[in-house]
Amino acid sequence: GLIGHSEGGEGIAIAAAKSSDVKF
């Protein structure tokens, strides 16, 4: 899983969309 704060929230959404390994 990934956690992000503020603009980091946008970064984790992009990273999760590009990786099937990220589950939440």
PDB file of all heavy atoms in Angstrom:
ATOM      1  N   GLY A   1       0.835  -1.195   0.000  1.00  0.00           N
ATOM      2  CA  GLY A   1       0.000   0.000   0.000  1.00  0.00           C
ATOM      3  C   GLY A   1       0.869   1.244   0.000  1.00  0.00           C
ATOM      4  O   GLY A   1       2.041   1.200   0.366  1.00  0.00           O
ATOM      5  N   LEU A   2       0.279   2.325  -0.439  1.00  0.00           N
ATOM      6  CA  LEU A   2       0.980   3.606  -0.462  1.00  0.00           C
ATOM      7  C   LEU A   2       0.167   4.630   0.310  1.00  0.00           C
ATOM      8  O   LEU A   2      -1.055   4.600   0.305  1.00  0.00           O
ATOM      9  CB  LEU A   2       1.148   4.088  -1.912  1.00  0.00           C
ATOM     10  CG  LEU A   2       1.909   3.166  -2.860  1.00  0.00           C
ATOM     11  CD1 LEU A   2       1.843   3.718  -4.285  1.00  0.00           C
ATOM     12  CD2 LEU A   2       3.342   2.995  -2.418  1.00  0.00           C
ATOM     13  N   ILE A   3       0.876   5.547   0.974  1.00  0.00           N
ATOM     14  CA  ILE A   3       0.217   6.625   1.697  1.00  0.00           C
ATOM     15  C   ILE A   3       0.830   7.939   1.234  1.00  0.00           C
ATOM     16  O   ILE A   3       2.041   8.028   1.022  1.00  0.00           O
ATOM     17  CB  ILE A   3       0.341   6.435   3.229  1.00  0.00           C
ATOM     18  CG1 ILE A   3      -0.484   7.463   3.978  1.00  0.00           C
ATOM     19  CG2 ILE A   3       1.778   6.456   3.678  1.00  0.00           C
ATOM     20  CD1 ILE A   3      -0.631   7.173   5.456  1.00  0.00           C
ATOM     21  N   GLY A   4      -0.021   8.932   1.019  1.00  0.00           N
ATOM     22  CA  GLY A   4       0.473  10.223   0.578  1.00  0.00           C
ATOM     23  C   GLY A   4      -0.321  11.351   1.201  1.00  0.00           C
ATOM     24  O   GLY A   4      -1.521  11.229   1.439  1.00  0.00           O
ATOM     25  N   HIS A   5       0.352  12.439   1.466  1.00  0.00           N
ATOM     26  CA  HIS A   5      -0.287  13.610   2.054  1.00  0.00           C
ATOM     27  C   HIS A   5      -0.292  14.756   1.054  1.00  0.00           C
ATOM     28  O   HIS A   5       0.709  15.011   0.402  1.00  0.00           O
ATOM     29  CB  HIS A   5       0.457  14.030   3.329  1.00  0.00           C
ATOM     30  CG  HIS A   5      -0.114  15.247   3.969  1.00  0.00           C
ATOM     31  ND1 HIS A   5       0.400  16.500   3.748  1.00  0.00           N
ATOM     32  CD2 HIS A   5      -1.167  15.407   4.814  1.00  0.00           C
ATOM     33  CE1 HIS A   5      -0.311  17.380   4.437  1.00  0.00           C
ATOM     34  NE2 HIS A   5      -1.262  16.729   5.094  1.00  0.00           N
ATOM     35  N   SER A   6      -1.415  15.438   0.945  1.00  0.00           N
ATOM     36  CA  SER A   6      -1.583  16.591   0.067  1.00  0.00           C
ATOM     37  C   SER A   6      -1.255  16.208  -1.379  1.00  0.00           C
ATOM     38  O   SER A   6      -1.879  15.294  -1.920  1.00  0.00           O
ATOM     39  CB  SER A   6      -0.729  17.759   0.571  1.00  0.00           C
ATOM     40  OG  SER A   6      -1.013  18.933  -0.156  1.00  0.00           O
ATOM     41  N   GLU A   7      -0.268  16.852  -1.992  1.00  0.00           N
ATOM     42  CA  GLU A   7       0.092  16.517  -3.370  1.00  0.00           C
ATOM     43  C   GLU A   7       0.652  15.097  -3.479  1.00  0.00           C
ATOM     44  O   GLU A   7       0.613  14.486  -4.538  1.00  0.00           O
ATOM     45  CB  GLU A   7       1.083  17.532  -3.919  1.00  0.00           C
ATOM     46  CG  GLU A   7       0.453  18.892  -4.126  1.00  0.00           C
ATOM     47  CD  GLU A   7       1.451  19.977  -4.464  1.00  0.00           C
ATOM     48  OE1 GLU A   7       2.644  19.677  -4.594  1.00  0.00           O
ATOM     49  OE2 GLU A   7       1.022  21.136  -4.596  1.00  0.00           O
ATOM     50  N   GLY A   8       1.159  14.583  -2.374  1.00  0.00           N
ATOM     51  CA  GLY A   8       1.622  13.196  -2.351  1.00  0.00           C
ATOM     52  C   GLY A   8       0.489  12.219  -2.612  1.00  0.00           C
ATOM     53  O   GLY A   8       0.692  11.127  -3.132  1.00  0.00           O
ATOM     54  N   GLY A   9      -0.738  12.626  -2.270  1.00  0.00           N
ATOM     55  CA  GLY A   9      -1.912  11.811  -2.558  1.00  0.00           C
ATOM     56  C   GLY A   9      -2.106  11.629  -4.052  1.00  0.00           C
ATOM     57  O   GLY A   9      -2.521  10.571  -4.516  1.00  0.00           O
ATOM     58  N   GLU A  10      -1.799  12.670  -4.809  1.00  0.00           N
ATOM     59  CA  GLU A  10      -1.899  12.569  -6.264  1.00  0.00           C
ATOM     60  C   GLU A  10      -0.784  11.663  -6.801  1.00  0.00           C
ATOM     61  O   GLU A  10      -1.006  10.855  -7.699  1.00  0.00           O
ATOM     62  CB  GLU A  10      -1.799  13.952  -6.901  1.00  0.00           C
ATOM     63  CG  GLU A  10      -2.127  13.939  -8.366  1.00  0.00           C
ATOM     64  CD  GLU A  10      -2.347  15.326  -8.934  1.00  0.00           C
ATOM     65  OE1 GLU A  10      -2.588  16.274  -8.181  1.00  0.00           O
ATOM     66  OE2 GLU A  10      -2.277  15.440 -10.162  1.00  0.00           O
ATOM     67  N   GLY A  11       0.393  11.793  -6.222  1.00  0.00           N
ATOM     68  CA  GLY A  11       1.524  10.961  -6.647  1.00  0.00           C
ATOM     69  C   GLY A  11       1.283   9.480  -6.424  1.00  0.00           C
ATOM     70  O   GLY A  11       1.591   8.654  -7.284  1.00  0.00           O
ATOM     71  N   ILE A  12       0.692   9.129  -5.293  1.00  0.00           N
ATOM     72  CA  ILE A  12       0.448   7.711  -5.034  1.00  0.00           C
ATOM     73  C   ILE A  12      -0.641   7.161  -5.944  1.00  0.00           C
ATOM     74  O   ILE A  12      -0.605   5.993  -6.318  1.00  0.00           O
ATOM     75  CB  ILE A  12       0.121   7.418  -3.546  1.00  0.00           C
ATOM     76  CG1 ILE A  12      -1.151   8.134  -3.099  1.00  0.00           C
ATOM     77  CG2 ILE A  12       1.304   7.747  -2.655  1.00  0.00           C
ATOM     78  CD1 ILE A  12      -1.694   7.689  -1.771  1.00  0.00           C
ATOM     79  N   ALA A  13      -1.611   8.000  -6.300  1.00  0.00           N
ATOM     80  CA  ALA A  13      -2.658   7.555  -7.218  1.00  0.00           C
ATOM     81  C   ALA A  13      -2.064   7.236  -8.594  1.00  0.00           C
ATOM     82  O   ALA A  13      -2.415   6.228  -9.220  1.00  0.00           O
ATOM     83  CB  ALA A  13      -3.744   8.615  -7.341  1.00  0.00           C
ATOM     84  N   ILE A  14      -1.143   8.066  -9.034  1.00  0.00           N
ATOM     85  CA  ILE A  14      -0.470   7.829 -10.320  1.00  0.00           C
ATOM     86  C   ILE A  14       0.362   6.554 -10.240  1.00  0.00           C
ATOM     87  O   ILE A  14       0.315   5.704 -11.132  1.00  0.00           O
ATOM     88  CB  ILE A  14       0.399   9.040 -10.700  1.00  0.00           C
ATOM     89  CG1 ILE A  14      -0.489  10.252 -11.005  1.00  0.00           C
ATOM     90  CG2 ILE A  14       1.302   8.716 -11.889  1.00  0.00           C
ATOM     91  CD1 ILE A  14       0.262  11.572 -11.106  1.00  0.00           C
ATOM     92  N   ALA A  15       1.128   6.406  -9.153  1.00  0.00           N
ATOM     93  CA  ALA A  15       1.967   5.216  -8.986  1.00  0.00           C
ATOM     94  C   ALA A  15       1.127   3.946  -8.927  1.00  0.00           C
ATOM     95  O   ALA A  15       1.464   2.936  -9.553  1.00  0.00           O
ATOM     96  CB  ALA A  15       2.821   5.340  -7.722  1.00  0.00           C
ATOM     97  N   ALA A  16       0.016   3.989  -8.204  1.00  0.00           N
ATOM     98  CA  ALA A  16      -0.852   2.812  -8.077  1.00  0.00           C
ATOM     99  C   ALA A  16      -1.482   2.447  -9.417  1.00  0.00           C
ATOM    100  O   ALA A  16      -1.649   1.263  -9.720  1.00  0.00           O
ATOM    101  CB  ALA A  16      -1.934   3.075  -7.033  1.00  0.00           C
ATOM    102  N   ALA A  17      -1.803   3.448 -10.217  1.00  0.00           N
ATOM    103  CA  ALA A  17      -2.406   3.181 -11.527  1.00  0.00           C
ATOM    104  C   ALA A  17      -1.417   2.500 -12.472  1.00  0.00           C
ATOM    105  O   ALA A  17      -1.814   1.789 -13.386  1.00  0.00           O
ATOM    106  CB  ALA A  17      -2.900   4.485 -12.143  1.00  0.00           C
ATOM    107  N   LYS A  18      -0.131   2.696 -12.211  1.00  0.00           N
ATOM    108  CA  LYS A  18       0.897   2.132 -13.093  1.00  0.00           C
ATOM    109  C   LYS A  18       1.454   0.803 -12.595  1.00  0.00           C
ATOM    110  O   LYS A  18       2.293   0.209 -13.254  1.00  0.00           O
ATOM    111  CB  LYS A  18       2.044   3.139 -13.264  1.00  0.00           C
ATOM    112  CG  LYS A  18       1.622   4.370 -14.032  1.00  0.00           C
ATOM    113  CD  LYS A  18       2.774   5.311 -14.244  1.00  0.00           C
ATOM    114  CE  LYS A  18       2.317   6.488 -15.091  1.00  0.00           C
ATOM    115  NZ  LYS A  18       3.432   7.334 -15.485  1.00  0.00           N
ATOM    116  N   SER A  19       1.024   0.349 -11.430  1.00  0.00           N
ATOM    117  CA  SER A  19       1.570  -0.891 -10.876  1.00  0.00           C
ATOM    118  C   SER A  19       0.467  -1.788 -10.329  1.00  0.00           C
ATOM    119  O   SER A  19      -0.303  -1.383  -9.456  1.00  0.00           O
ATOM    120  CB  SER A  19       2.558  -0.579  -9.753  1.00  0.00           C
ATOM    121  OG  SER A  19       2.974  -1.779  -9.125  1.00  0.00           O
ATOM    122  N   SER A  20       0.442  -3.007 -10.815  1.00  0.00           N
ATOM    123  CA  SER A  20      -0.546  -3.960 -10.305  1.00  0.00           C
ATOM    124  C   SER A  20      -0.128  -4.519  -8.936  1.00  0.00           C
ATOM    125  O   SER A  20      -0.912  -5.200  -8.283  1.00  0.00           O
ATOM    126  CB  SER A  20      -0.732  -5.109 -11.298  1.00  0.00           C
ATOM    127  OG  SER A  20       0.487  -5.796 -11.491  1.00  0.00           O
ATOM    128  N   ASP A  21       1.090  -4.210  -8.488  1.00  0.00           N
ATOM    129  CA  ASP A  21       1.556  -4.667  -7.180  1.00  0.00           C
ATOM    130  C   ASP A  21       0.940  -3.869  -6.025  1.00  0.00           C
ATOM    131  O   ASP A  21       0.878  -4.345  -4.900  1.00  0.00           O
ATOM    132  CB  ASP A  21       3.082  -4.564  -7.086  1.00  0.00           C
ATOM    133  CG  ASP A  21       3.791  -5.531  -8.018  1.00  0.00           C
ATOM    134  OD1 ASP A  21       3.222  -6.607  -8.310  1.00  0.00           O
ATOM    135  OD2 ASP A  21       4.899  -5.205  -8.472  1.00  0.00           O
ATOM    136  N   VAL A  22       0.505  -2.651  -6.305  1.00  0.00           N
ATOM    137  CA  VAL A  22      -0.081  -1.809  -5.264  1.00  0.00           C
ATOM    138  C   VAL A  22      -1.534  -2.224  -5.065  1.00  0.00           C
ATOM    139  O   VAL A  22      -2.336  -2.193  -5.983  1.00  0.00           O
ATOM    140  CB  VAL A  22       0.004  -0.309  -5.630  1.00  0.00           C
ATOM    141  CG1 VAL A  22      -0.661   0.544  -4.559  1.00  0.00           C
ATOM    142  CG2 VAL A  22       1.459   0.115  -5.814  1.00  0.00           C
ATOM    143  N   LYS A  23      -1.845  -2.634  -3.847  1.00  0.00           N
ATOM    144  CA  LYS A  23      -3.175  -3.161  -3.537  1.00  0.00           C
ATOM    145  C   LYS A  23      -4.112  -2.126  -2.928  1.00  0.00           C
ATOM    146  O   LYS A  23      -5.314  -2.276  -2.963  1.00  0.00           O
ATOM    147  CB  LYS A  23      -3.072  -4.358  -2.584  1.00  0.00           C
ATOM    148  CG  LYS A  23      -2.199  -5.480  -3.112  1.00  0.00           C
ATOM    149  CD  LYS A  23      -2.720  -6.006  -4.435  1.00  0.00           C
ATOM    150  CE  LYS A  23      -1.835  -7.129  -4.937  1.00  0.00           C
ATOM    151  NZ  LYS A  23      -1.980  -7.390  -6.343  1.00  0.00           N
ATOM    152  N   PHE A  24      -3.546  -1.063  -2.311  1.00  0.00           N
ATOM    153  CA  PHE A  24      -4.396  -0.023  -1.732  1.00  0.00           C
ATOM    154  C   PHE A  24      -3.604   1.270  -1.591  1.00  0.00           C
ATOM    155  O   PHE A  24      -2.375   1.264  -1.594  1.00  0.00           O
ATOM    156  CB  PHE A  24      -4.964  -0.450  -0.376  1.00  0.00           C
ATOM    157  CG  PHE A  24      -3.925  -0.631   0.699  1.00  0.00           C
ATOM    158  CD1 PHE A  24      -3.608   0.408   1.557  1.00  0.00           C
ATOM    159  CD2 PHE A  24      -3.281  -1.850   0.864  1.00  0.00           C
ATOM    160  CE1 PHE A  24      -2.655   0.242   2.554  1.00  0.00           C
ATOM    161  CE2 PHE A  24      -2.330  -2.040   1.856  1.00  0.00           C
ATOM    162  CZ  PHE A  24      -2.016  -0.988   2.702  1.00  0.00           C
TER     163      PHE A  24
END
